[in-house]
Amino acid sequence: LVTVKEEPLLRPVRTTVITSANVARSLEFPAVVDVVSKADLSFKVSGELIQFNVNQGEDVVAGQVIAKLNDRDIKVQLNEAQSYFDKAKADFTRAKNLIGTHAISQADFDQLKSQFTSAKAKLDTAKNNLEYTELKASFSGIIAKKYTDNFQELRAGSAVVALHDISNIYLKIDLPESIMIRVKRREQPPKL
């Protein structure tokens, strides 16, 4: 007797070779966004904040009035300086006429001239101080932060708002050196 061993039946199989697709890798890195121009704006004189014309997040243009201090005391100082200047000017004008006839001494003339110059400087300072009661945007941008509110007593130089120009921004990214050596330099930076 002969025994035949049955072999298993082979079935045809369809095969496909799988290759890796050229998929672009996506890498993520932490970054810090910063603006090109930013400034903390403050008044050059002390006083009570009586008017705030902007809110946080609002756009402003260069020269726009952002806030105003109570200017009553500074107007009084300006009037006093104007009065002192007018008197010193009149005295100096009279002295110029009298020095030619030797009716006054050179020392008196020099003193009146000095008083006139001093009065003019005080008047100019008072006029500047009145202008300084208005806080104006030094460039166009956005109010990033308000540091104070209306009716606060402010000292000269204390920050009132943070102004940022967001038309140009910087992205500061820390890239590992292993990635940087594979980066190709472009003539033009990419636009966002």
N, C-alpha and C. Protein backbone atom coordinates (compact mmCIF):
# COMPACT_ATOMS: atom_id res chain seq x y z
N LEU A 1 0.81 -1.16 0.00
CA LEU A 1 0.00 0.00 0.00
C LEU A 1 0.87 1.24 0.00
N VAL A 2 0.44 2.07 -0.76
CA VAL A 2 1.19 3.30 -0.92
C VAL A 2 0.36 4.44 -0.32
N THR A 3 0.98 5.20 0.45
CA THR A 3 0.27 6.34 1.04
C THR A 3 0.78 7.63 0.38
N VAL A 4 -0.10 8.39 0.05
CA VAL A 4 0.23 9.68 -0.59
C VAL A 4 -0.05 10.79 0.42
N LYS A 5 0.90 11.53 0.54
CA LYS A 5 0.78 12.63 1.48
C LYS A 5 0.30 13.85 0.70
N GLU A 6 -0.76 14.42 1.16
CA GLU A 6 -1.30 15.59 0.50
C GLU A 6 -0.57 16.84 0.98
N GLU A 7 -0.18 17.56 -0.03
CA GLU A 7 0.49 18.80 0.31
C GLU A 7 -0.55 19.91 0.38
N PRO A 8 -0.29 20.82 1.27
CA PRO A 8 -1.28 21.89 1.37
C PRO A 8 -1.31 22.69 0.07
N LEU A 9 -2.45 23.11 -0.24
CA LEU A 9 -2.70 23.86 -1.45
C LEU A 9 -2.21 25.29 -1.27
N LEU A 10 -1.36 25.75 -2.18
CA LEU A 10 -0.84 27.11 -2.10
C LEU A 10 -1.79 28.06 -2.82
N ARG A 11 -2.12 29.06 -2.13
CA ARG A 11 -3.01 30.05 -2.71
C ARG A 11 -2.17 31.21 -3.22
N PRO A 12 -2.56 31.76 -4.35
CA PRO A 12 -1.82 32.93 -4.85
C PRO A 12 -2.07 34.14 -3.95
N VAL A 13 -1.03 34.96 -3.71
CA VAL A 13 -1.12 36.15 -2.86
C VAL A 13 -0.63 37.35 -3.66
N ARG A 14 -1.33 38.40 -3.56
CA ARG A 14 -0.91 39.63 -4.21
C ARG A 14 -0.11 40.44 -3.20
N THR A 15 1.06 40.92 -3.61
CA THR A 15 1.91 41.68 -2.69
C THR A 15 2.13 43.08 -3.23
N THR A 16 2.36 44.00 -2.30
CA THR A 16 2.65 45.38 -2.65
C THR A 16 3.83 45.82 -1.81
N VAL A 17 4.77 46.51 -2.46
CA VAL A 17 5.92 47.02 -1.73
C VAL A 17 5.55 48.39 -1.16
N ILE A 18 5.74 48.56 0.11
CA ILE A 18 5.42 49.82 0.77
C ILE A 18 6.71 50.61 0.92
N THR A 19 6.65 51.86 0.42
CA THR A 19 7.79 52.75 0.57
C THR A 19 7.35 53.93 1.41
N SER A 20 8.30 54.57 2.03
CA SER A 20 7.93 55.71 2.87
C SER A 20 7.60 56.89 1.97
N ALA A 21 6.52 57.52 2.27
CA ALA A 21 6.09 58.69 1.50
C ALA A 21 6.93 59.88 1.93
N ASN A 22 7.12 60.82 1.04
CA ASN A 22 7.90 62.01 1.35
C ASN A 22 6.98 63.02 2.05
N VAL A 23 6.74 62.80 3.30
CA VAL A 23 5.84 63.64 4.09
C VAL A 23 6.69 64.70 4.79
N ALA A 24 6.27 65.96 4.66
CA ALA A 24 6.99 67.04 5.33
C ALA A 24 6.76 66.94 6.84
N ARG A 25 7.85 67.02 7.57
CA ARG A 25 7.73 66.94 9.01
C ARG A 25 7.34 68.30 9.57
N SER A 26 6.57 68.27 10.59
CA SER A 26 6.17 69.50 11.25
C SER A 26 6.84 69.52 12.62
N LEU A 27 7.56 70.59 12.87
CA LEU A 27 8.25 70.75 14.15
C LEU A 27 7.68 71.97 14.85
N GLU A 28 7.58 71.91 16.15
CA GLU A 28 7.08 73.03 16.92
C GLU A 28 8.14 73.47 17.92
N PHE A 29 8.28 74.79 18.05
CA PHE A 29 9.25 75.36 18.97
C PHE A 29 8.60 76.52 19.70
N PRO A 30 8.96 76.75 20.95
CA PRO A 30 8.42 77.92 21.66
C PRO A 30 9.01 79.21 21.08
N ALA A 31 8.19 80.25 21.07
CA ALA A 31 8.63 81.54 20.52
C ALA A 31 8.10 82.66 21.39
N VAL A 32 8.78 83.78 21.31
CA VAL A 32 8.35 85.00 22.00
C VAL A 32 8.04 86.03 20.92
N VAL A 33 6.86 86.60 20.97
CA VAL A 33 6.47 87.63 20.02
C VAL A 33 6.76 88.98 20.65
N ASP A 34 7.45 89.85 19.91
CA ASP A 34 7.78 91.17 20.43
C ASP A 34 7.58 92.19 19.32
N VAL A 35 7.26 93.40 19.70
CA VAL A 35 7.06 94.47 18.72
C VAL A 35 8.36 95.23 18.49
N VAL A 36 8.44 95.88 17.34
CA VAL A 36 9.64 96.64 17.00
C VAL A 36 9.70 97.91 17.85
N SER A 37 8.59 98.64 17.91
CA SER A 37 8.56 99.90 18.66
C SER A 37 7.56 99.79 19.81
N LYS A 38 8.03 100.09 21.00
CA LYS A 38 7.13 100.12 22.15
C LYS A 38 7.65 101.16 23.14
N ALA A 39 6.71 101.75 23.87
CA ALA A 39 7.09 102.79 24.84
C ALA A 39 6.06 102.86 25.94
N ASP A 40 6.54 103.10 27.16
CA ASP A 40 5.66 103.43 28.28
C ASP A 40 5.58 104.95 28.30
N LEU A 41 4.39 105.48 28.06
CA LEU A 41 4.20 106.93 28.00
C LEU A 41 3.86 107.48 29.38
N SER A 42 4.43 108.65 29.69
CA SER A 42 4.18 109.28 30.99
C SER A 42 4.14 110.79 30.81
N PHE A 43 3.55 111.44 31.80
CA PHE A 43 3.51 112.90 31.81
C PHE A 43 4.85 113.44 32.30
N LYS A 44 5.20 114.65 31.84
CA LYS A 44 6.43 115.30 32.29
C LYS A 44 6.20 116.16 33.52
N VAL A 45 4.92 116.33 33.88
CA VAL A 45 4.58 117.10 35.08
C VAL A 45 3.64 116.26 35.95
N SER A 46 3.57 116.59 37.22
CA SER A 46 2.68 115.90 38.15
C SER A 46 1.30 116.53 38.10
N GLY A 47 0.29 115.74 38.51
CA GLY A 47 -1.06 116.29 38.58
C GLY A 47 -2.11 115.20 38.64
N GLU A 48 -3.37 115.63 38.69
CA GLU A 48 -4.50 114.71 38.76
C GLU A 48 -4.97 114.39 37.35
N LEU A 49 -5.08 113.11 37.05
CA LEU A 49 -5.56 112.66 35.74
C LEU A 49 -7.07 112.89 35.68
N ILE A 50 -7.51 113.74 34.75
CA ILE A 50 -8.94 114.06 34.69
C ILE A 50 -9.62 113.55 33.42
N GLN A 51 -8.82 113.13 32.44
CA GLN A 51 -9.43 112.70 31.19
C GLN A 51 -8.59 111.60 30.56
N PHE A 52 -9.23 110.45 30.31
CA PHE A 52 -8.57 109.33 29.64
C PHE A 52 -9.33 109.09 28.34
N ASN A 53 -8.72 109.33 27.21
CA ASN A 53 -9.43 109.28 25.93
C ASN A 53 -9.36 107.93 25.23
N VAL A 54 -8.63 106.97 25.77
CA VAL A 54 -8.46 105.68 25.09
C VAL A 54 -8.67 104.54 26.07
N ASN A 55 -8.93 103.39 25.49
CA ASN A 55 -9.04 102.15 26.28
C ASN A 55 -7.97 101.18 25.81
N GLN A 56 -7.69 100.21 26.64
CA GLN A 56 -6.71 99.19 26.29
C GLN A 56 -7.18 98.48 25.03
N GLY A 57 -6.25 98.29 24.08
CA GLY A 57 -6.56 97.61 22.83
C GLY A 57 -6.94 98.54 21.69
N GLU A 58 -7.11 99.83 21.97
CA GLU A 58 -7.49 100.78 20.92
C GLU A 58 -6.30 101.23 20.10
N ASP A 59 -6.56 101.50 18.82
CA ASP A 59 -5.54 102.06 17.94
C ASP A 59 -5.45 103.56 18.16
N VAL A 60 -4.23 104.10 18.09
CA VAL A 60 -4.02 105.54 18.18
C VAL A 60 -3.07 105.96 17.06
N VAL A 61 -3.16 107.23 16.68
CA VAL A 61 -2.25 107.77 15.67
C VAL A 61 -1.28 108.73 16.35
N ALA A 62 -0.14 108.93 15.73
CA ALA A 62 0.88 109.81 16.29
C ALA A 62 0.30 111.20 16.54
N GLY A 63 0.52 111.74 17.72
CA GLY A 63 0.03 113.07 18.07
C GLY A 63 -1.35 113.08 18.72
N GLN A 64 -2.04 111.95 18.72
CA GLN A 64 -3.37 111.88 19.32
C GLN A 64 -3.28 112.05 20.83
N VAL A 65 -4.20 112.84 21.41
CA VAL A 65 -4.21 113.04 22.87
C VAL A 65 -4.76 111.78 23.53
N ILE A 66 -3.95 111.20 24.39
CA ILE A 66 -4.33 109.96 25.08
C ILE A 66 -4.97 110.27 26.43
N ALA A 67 -4.39 111.23 27.16
CA ALA A 67 -4.90 111.57 28.49
C ALA A 67 -4.56 113.02 28.80
N LYS A 68 -5.24 113.57 29.81
CA LYS A 68 -5.05 114.97 30.18
C LYS A 68 -5.06 115.10 31.70
N LEU A 69 -4.14 115.95 32.19
CA LEU A 69 -4.09 116.27 33.62
C LEU A 69 -4.88 117.55 33.89
N ASN A 70 -5.29 117.72 35.14
CA ASN A 70 -5.91 118.96 35.56
C ASN A 70 -4.85 120.07 35.45
N ASP A 71 -5.14 121.09 34.65
CA ASP A 71 -4.14 122.13 34.38
C ASP A 71 -4.40 123.44 35.10
N ARG A 72 -5.32 123.46 36.05
CA ARG A 72 -5.68 124.69 36.75
C ARG A 72 -4.48 125.34 37.44
N ASP A 73 -3.70 124.57 38.20
CA ASP A 73 -2.55 125.13 38.91
C ASP A 73 -1.47 125.62 37.94
N ILE A 74 -1.29 124.90 36.86
CA ILE A 74 -0.27 125.28 35.89
C ILE A 74 -0.68 126.55 35.14
N LYS A 75 -1.98 126.74 34.92
CA LYS A 75 -2.44 127.99 34.30
C LYS A 75 -2.19 129.17 35.23
N VAL A 76 -2.35 128.97 36.54
CA VAL A 76 -2.06 130.02 37.51
C VAL A 76 -0.57 130.36 37.45
N GLN A 77 0.29 129.33 37.40
CA GLN A 77 1.73 129.55 37.29
C GLN A 77 2.08 130.27 35.99
N LEU A 78 1.37 129.94 34.91
CA LEU A 78 1.62 130.60 33.63
C LEU A 78 1.23 132.08 33.71
N ASN A 79 0.11 132.38 34.32
CA ASN A 79 -0.31 133.78 34.46
C ASN A 79 0.68 134.57 35.31
N GLU A 80 1.17 133.95 36.38
CA GLU A 80 2.16 134.60 37.23
C GLU A 80 3.46 134.85 36.45
N ALA A 81 3.89 133.86 35.69
CA ALA A 81 5.11 134.00 34.89
C ALA A 81 4.93 135.07 33.82
N GLN A 82 3.73 135.15 33.22
CA GLN A 82 3.46 136.17 32.20
C GLN A 82 3.52 137.56 32.82
N SER A 83 2.95 137.72 34.00
CA SER A 83 2.96 139.01 34.68
C SER A 83 4.39 139.43 35.03
N TYR A 84 5.18 138.49 35.55
CA TYR A 84 6.58 138.76 35.90
C TYR A 84 7.37 139.13 34.65
N PHE A 85 7.09 138.43 33.55
CA PHE A 85 7.77 138.71 32.28
C PHE A 85 7.41 140.11 31.76
N ASP A 86 6.11 140.45 31.80
CA ASP A 86 5.68 141.76 31.31
C ASP A 86 6.36 142.90 32.08
N LYS A 87 6.45 142.76 33.41
CA LYS A 87 7.09 143.79 34.22
C LYS A 87 8.59 143.87 33.91
N ALA A 88 9.24 142.70 33.83
CA ALA A 88 10.68 142.67 33.55
C ALA A 88 10.97 143.23 32.16
N LYS A 89 10.10 142.97 31.21
CA LYS A 89 10.30 143.50 29.84
C LYS A 89 10.16 145.02 29.84
N ALA A 90 9.14 145.53 30.54
CA ALA A 90 8.93 146.98 30.60
C ALA A 90 10.12 147.66 31.29
N ASP A 91 10.60 147.08 32.39
CA ASP A 91 11.75 147.65 33.10
C ASP A 91 13.00 147.63 32.22
N PHE A 92 13.20 146.55 31.51
CA PHE A 92 14.38 146.43 30.66
C PHE A 92 14.31 147.40 29.47
N THR A 93 13.11 147.57 28.92
CA THR A 93 12.94 148.53 27.81
C THR A 93 13.26 149.94 28.28
N ARG A 94 12.76 150.32 29.47
CA ARG A 94 13.06 151.64 30.03
C ARG A 94 14.56 151.77 30.28
N ALA A 95 15.16 150.71 30.79
CA ALA A 95 16.60 150.75 31.10
C ALA A 95 17.43 150.93 29.85
N LYS A 96 17.01 150.34 28.73
CA LYS A 96 17.76 150.51 27.48
C LYS A 96 17.77 151.97 27.05
N ASN A 97 16.66 152.66 27.28
CA ASN A 97 16.60 154.09 26.95
C ASN A 97 17.45 154.92 27.92
N LEU A 98 17.45 154.54 29.19
CA LEU A 98 18.15 155.31 30.21
C LEU A 98 19.66 155.10 30.20
N ILE A 99 20.12 153.92 29.76
CA ILE A 99 21.56 153.65 29.80
C ILE A 99 22.29 154.54 28.79
N GLY A 100 21.61 154.89 27.69
CA GLY A 100 22.22 155.76 26.68
C GLY A 100 22.47 157.17 27.20
N THR A 101 21.62 157.64 28.12
CA THR A 101 21.78 158.99 28.69
C THR A 101 22.52 158.95 30.01
N HIS A 102 23.01 157.80 30.39
CA HIS A 102 23.73 157.58 31.64
C HIS A 102 22.88 157.94 32.86
N ALA A 103 21.56 157.75 32.74
CA ALA A 103 20.66 158.02 33.86
C ALA A 103 20.68 156.88 34.87
N ILE A 104 21.11 155.66 34.42
CA ILE A 104 21.26 154.54 35.36
C ILE A 104 22.65 153.96 35.17
N SER A 105 23.10 153.26 36.19
CA SER A 105 24.44 152.67 36.12
C SER A 105 24.41 151.38 35.27
N GLN A 106 25.59 150.99 34.83
CA GLN A 106 25.71 149.75 34.04
C GLN A 106 25.29 148.54 34.88
N ALA A 107 25.57 148.58 36.16
CA ALA A 107 25.20 147.48 37.06
C ALA A 107 23.68 147.33 37.15
N ASP A 108 22.98 148.48 37.26
CA ASP A 108 21.51 148.43 37.30
C ASP A 108 20.96 147.90 35.98
N PHE A 109 21.53 148.34 34.87
CA PHE A 109 21.11 147.88 33.55
C PHE A 109 21.31 146.37 33.44
N ASP A 110 22.47 145.88 33.87
CA ASP A 110 22.77 144.45 33.78
C ASP A 110 21.81 143.63 34.64
N GLN A 111 21.46 144.18 35.80
CA GLN A 111 20.52 143.48 36.68
C GLN A 111 19.14 143.40 36.03
N LEU A 112 18.67 144.49 35.42
CA LEU A 112 17.37 144.49 34.76
C LEU A 112 17.37 143.56 33.53
N LYS A 113 18.49 143.52 32.84
CA LYS A 113 18.61 142.61 31.70
C LYS A 113 18.55 141.16 32.18
N SER A 114 19.21 140.86 33.28
CA SER A 114 19.20 139.52 33.86
C SER A 114 17.79 139.13 34.32
N GLN A 115 17.09 140.06 34.95
CA GLN A 115 15.71 139.79 35.37
C GLN A 115 14.81 139.51 34.17
N PHE A 116 15.01 140.26 33.08
CA PHE A 116 14.22 140.06 31.87
C PHE A 116 14.49 138.66 31.29
N THR A 117 15.76 138.27 31.21
CA THR A 117 16.12 136.96 30.67
C THR A 117 15.56 135.84 31.54
N SER A 118 15.65 136.01 32.84
CA SER A 118 15.12 135.02 33.78
C SER A 118 13.60 134.91 33.66
N ALA A 119 12.92 136.05 33.54
CA ALA A 119 11.47 136.06 33.41
C ALA A 119 11.03 135.36 32.11
N LYS A 120 11.79 135.57 31.04
CA LYS A 120 11.48 134.91 29.76
C LYS A 120 11.62 133.40 29.90
N ALA A 121 12.67 132.95 30.57
CA ALA A 121 12.89 131.52 30.77
C ALA A 121 11.76 130.91 31.61
N LYS A 122 11.34 131.62 32.66
CA LYS A 122 10.24 131.11 33.50
C LYS A 122 8.93 131.05 32.73
N LEU A 123 8.70 132.04 31.86
CA LEU A 123 7.49 132.04 31.04
C LEU A 123 7.51 130.87 30.07
N ASP A 124 8.64 130.62 29.44
CA ASP A 124 8.76 129.49 28.51
C ASP A 124 8.53 128.16 29.23
N THR A 125 9.08 128.05 30.45
CA THR A 125 8.89 126.83 31.24
C THR A 125 7.42 126.63 31.58
N ALA A 126 6.74 127.70 31.97
CA ALA A 126 5.32 127.61 32.31
C ALA A 126 4.49 127.22 31.09
N LYS A 127 4.83 127.76 29.91
CA LYS A 127 4.11 127.38 28.68
C LYS A 127 4.34 125.91 28.36
N ASN A 128 5.58 125.44 28.51
CA ASN A 128 5.88 124.03 28.27
C ASN A 128 5.12 123.13 29.24
N ASN A 129 5.09 123.54 30.52
CA ASN A 129 4.38 122.74 31.52
C ASN A 129 2.90 122.62 31.20
N LEU A 130 2.31 123.68 30.66
CA LEU A 130 0.91 123.62 30.26
C LEU A 130 0.73 122.62 29.12
N GLU A 131 1.65 122.61 28.16
CA GLU A 131 1.59 121.63 27.06
C GLU A 131 1.76 120.22 27.59
N TYR A 132 2.58 120.06 28.62
CA TYR A 132 2.87 118.73 29.16
C TYR A 132 1.69 118.13 29.92
N THR A 133 0.60 118.90 30.12
CA THR A 133 -0.57 118.34 30.78
C THR A 133 -1.37 117.45 29.84
N GLU A 134 -1.01 117.44 28.57
CA GLU A 134 -1.63 116.53 27.60
C GLU A 134 -0.62 115.46 27.22
N LEU A 135 -1.04 114.20 27.36
CA LEU A 135 -0.19 113.08 26.97
C LEU A 135 -0.58 112.67 25.57
N LYS A 136 0.38 112.77 24.65
CA LYS A 136 0.11 112.46 23.24
C LYS A 136 0.90 111.24 22.80
N ALA A 137 0.33 110.51 21.84
CA ALA A 137 1.00 109.32 21.30
C ALA A 137 2.23 109.77 20.52
N SER A 138 3.37 109.19 20.83
CA SER A 138 4.61 109.57 20.15
C SER A 138 4.74 108.89 18.79
N PHE A 139 3.97 107.82 18.56
CA PHE A 139 3.92 107.16 17.25
C PHE A 139 2.59 106.43 17.15
N SER A 140 2.23 106.03 15.94
CA SER A 140 0.97 105.30 15.74
C SER A 140 1.13 103.88 16.25
N GLY A 141 0.09 103.36 16.87
CA GLY A 141 0.15 102.01 17.40
C GLY A 141 -1.12 101.64 18.13
N ILE A 142 -0.97 100.75 19.09
CA ILE A 142 -2.09 100.25 19.87
C ILE A 142 -1.78 100.41 21.36
N ILE A 143 -2.81 100.74 22.13
CA ILE A 143 -2.63 100.85 23.58
C ILE A 143 -2.59 99.42 24.13
N ALA A 144 -1.41 98.96 24.49
CA ALA A 144 -1.23 97.59 24.96
C ALA A 144 -1.67 97.43 26.41
N LYS A 145 -1.49 98.49 27.21
CA LYS A 145 -1.83 98.39 28.63
C LYS A 145 -2.08 99.78 29.21
N LYS A 146 -3.06 99.85 30.11
CA LYS A 146 -3.30 101.07 30.88
C LYS A 146 -2.82 100.79 32.31
N TYR A 147 -1.97 101.67 32.82
CA TYR A 147 -1.42 101.46 34.15
C TYR A 147 -2.20 102.20 35.24
N THR A 148 -3.11 103.08 34.85
CA THR A 148 -3.81 103.89 35.84
C THR A 148 -5.22 104.21 35.34
N ASP A 149 -6.00 104.84 36.17
CA ASP A 149 -7.37 105.23 35.82
C ASP A 149 -7.57 106.72 36.07
N ASN A 150 -8.72 107.21 35.64
CA ASN A 150 -9.07 108.61 35.87
C ASN A 150 -9.03 108.96 37.35
N PHE A 151 -8.76 110.23 37.61
CA PHE A 151 -8.81 110.83 38.94
C PHE A 151 -7.73 110.29 39.89
N GLN A 152 -6.68 109.72 39.33
CA GLN A 152 -5.52 109.32 40.11
C GLN A 152 -4.54 110.48 40.13
N GLU A 153 -3.87 110.65 41.24
CA GLU A 153 -2.82 111.66 41.35
C GLU A 153 -1.53 111.02 40.82
N LEU A 154 -0.96 111.60 39.78
CA LEU A 154 0.22 111.02 39.13
C LEU A 154 1.46 111.88 39.36
N ARG A 155 2.58 111.22 39.50
CA ARG A 155 3.86 111.91 39.58
C ARG A 155 4.46 111.99 38.19
N ALA A 156 5.23 113.00 37.95
CA ALA A 156 5.92 113.13 36.67
C ALA A 156 6.79 111.90 36.44
N GLY A 157 6.70 111.33 35.25
CA GLY A 157 7.52 110.18 34.89
C GLY A 157 6.89 108.83 35.19
N SER A 158 5.76 108.79 35.90
CA SER A 158 5.14 107.48 36.16
C SER A 158 4.34 107.07 34.93
N ALA A 159 4.51 105.80 34.53
CA ALA A 159 3.90 105.29 33.30
C ALA A 159 2.38 105.33 33.37
N VAL A 160 1.76 105.80 32.29
CA VAL A 160 0.30 105.88 32.20
C VAL A 160 -0.23 104.78 31.29
N VAL A 161 0.39 104.63 30.11
CA VAL A 161 0.00 103.58 29.16
C VAL A 161 1.24 102.99 28.50
N ALA A 162 1.08 101.77 27.99
CA ALA A 162 2.11 101.14 27.16
C ALA A 162 1.61 101.21 25.73
N LEU A 163 2.41 101.80 24.85
CA LEU A 163 2.05 101.96 23.44
C LEU A 163 2.95 101.04 22.62
N HIS A 164 2.33 100.20 21.77
CA HIS A 164 3.07 99.28 20.91
C HIS A 164 2.71 99.52 19.45
N ASP A 165 3.72 99.53 18.60
CA ASP A 165 3.51 99.58 17.15
C ASP A 165 3.54 98.15 16.65
N ILE A 166 2.36 97.61 16.29
CA ILE A 166 2.30 96.21 15.88
C ILE A 166 2.35 96.03 14.37
N SER A 167 2.73 97.08 13.64
CA SER A 167 2.85 96.93 12.19
C SER A 167 4.04 96.04 11.83
N ASN A 168 5.04 95.99 12.69
CA ASN A 168 6.18 95.08 12.52
C ASN A 168 6.41 94.37 13.84
N ILE A 169 6.53 93.04 13.76
CA ILE A 169 6.78 92.27 14.97
C ILE A 169 7.99 91.37 14.78
N TYR A 170 8.58 90.98 15.88
CA TYR A 170 9.68 90.02 15.89
C TYR A 170 9.18 88.73 16.51
N LEU A 171 9.62 87.61 15.94
CA LEU A 171 9.42 86.31 16.55
C LEU A 171 10.79 85.83 16.98
N LYS A 172 10.97 85.62 18.26
CA LYS A 172 12.24 85.13 18.77
C LYS A 172 12.06 83.64 19.07
N ILE A 173 12.75 82.80 18.29
CA ILE A 173 12.60 81.36 18.40
C ILE A 173 13.94 80.75 18.78
N ASP A 174 13.94 79.86 19.76
CA ASP A 174 15.15 79.13 20.13
C ASP A 174 15.14 77.81 19.37
N LEU A 175 16.02 77.69 18.36
CA LEU A 175 16.13 76.46 17.57
C LEU A 175 17.37 75.69 18.00
N PRO A 176 17.24 74.36 18.11
CA PRO A 176 18.43 73.56 18.41
C PRO A 176 19.44 73.66 17.26
N GLU A 177 20.71 73.54 17.60
CA GLU A 177 21.76 73.64 16.59
C GLU A 177 21.64 72.56 15.53
N SER A 178 21.17 71.37 15.92
CA SER A 178 21.02 70.27 14.96
C SER A 178 20.02 70.62 13.86
N ILE A 179 19.07 71.48 14.15
CA ILE A 179 18.09 71.90 13.14
C ILE A 179 18.65 73.09 12.36
N MET A 180 19.32 73.99 13.03
CA MET A 180 19.84 75.20 12.38
C MET A 180 20.82 74.88 11.24
N ILE A 181 21.60 73.82 11.38
CA ILE A 181 22.58 73.52 10.32
C ILE A 181 21.90 73.05 9.05
N ARG A 182 20.64 72.63 9.13
CA ARG A 182 19.90 72.19 7.94
C ARG A 182 19.04 73.30 7.33
N VAL A 183 18.97 74.45 7.97
CA VAL A 183 18.14 75.55 7.48
C VAL A 183 18.90 76.29 6.38
N LYS A 184 18.22 76.52 5.26
CA LYS A 184 18.83 77.25 4.15
C LYS A 184 18.46 78.72 4.27
N ARG A 185 19.42 79.56 4.02
CA ARG A 185 19.19 81.01 4.12
C ARG A 185 18.46 81.50 2.87
N ARG A 186 17.44 82.32 3.09
CA ARG A 186 16.68 82.92 1.99
C ARG A 186 17.10 84.37 1.84
N GLU A 187 16.91 84.87 0.63
CA GLU A 187 17.18 86.29 0.39
C GLU A 187 16.15 87.15 1.10
N GLN A 188 14.89 86.77 1.03
CA GLN A 188 13.81 87.51 1.66
C GLN A 188 13.24 86.68 2.80
N PRO A 189 12.98 87.27 3.96
CA PRO A 189 12.35 86.50 5.05
C PRO A 189 10.91 86.17 4.66
N PRO A 190 10.39 85.04 5.15
CA PRO A 190 9.01 84.68 4.82
C PRO A 190 8.03 85.68 5.43
N LYS A 191 6.95 85.93 4.73
CA LYS A 191 5.90 86.83 5.22
C LYS A 191 4.86 86.01 5.97
N LEU A 192 4.38 86.59 7.06
CA LEU A 192 3.33 85.92 7.83
C LEU A 192 1.98 86.40 7.42
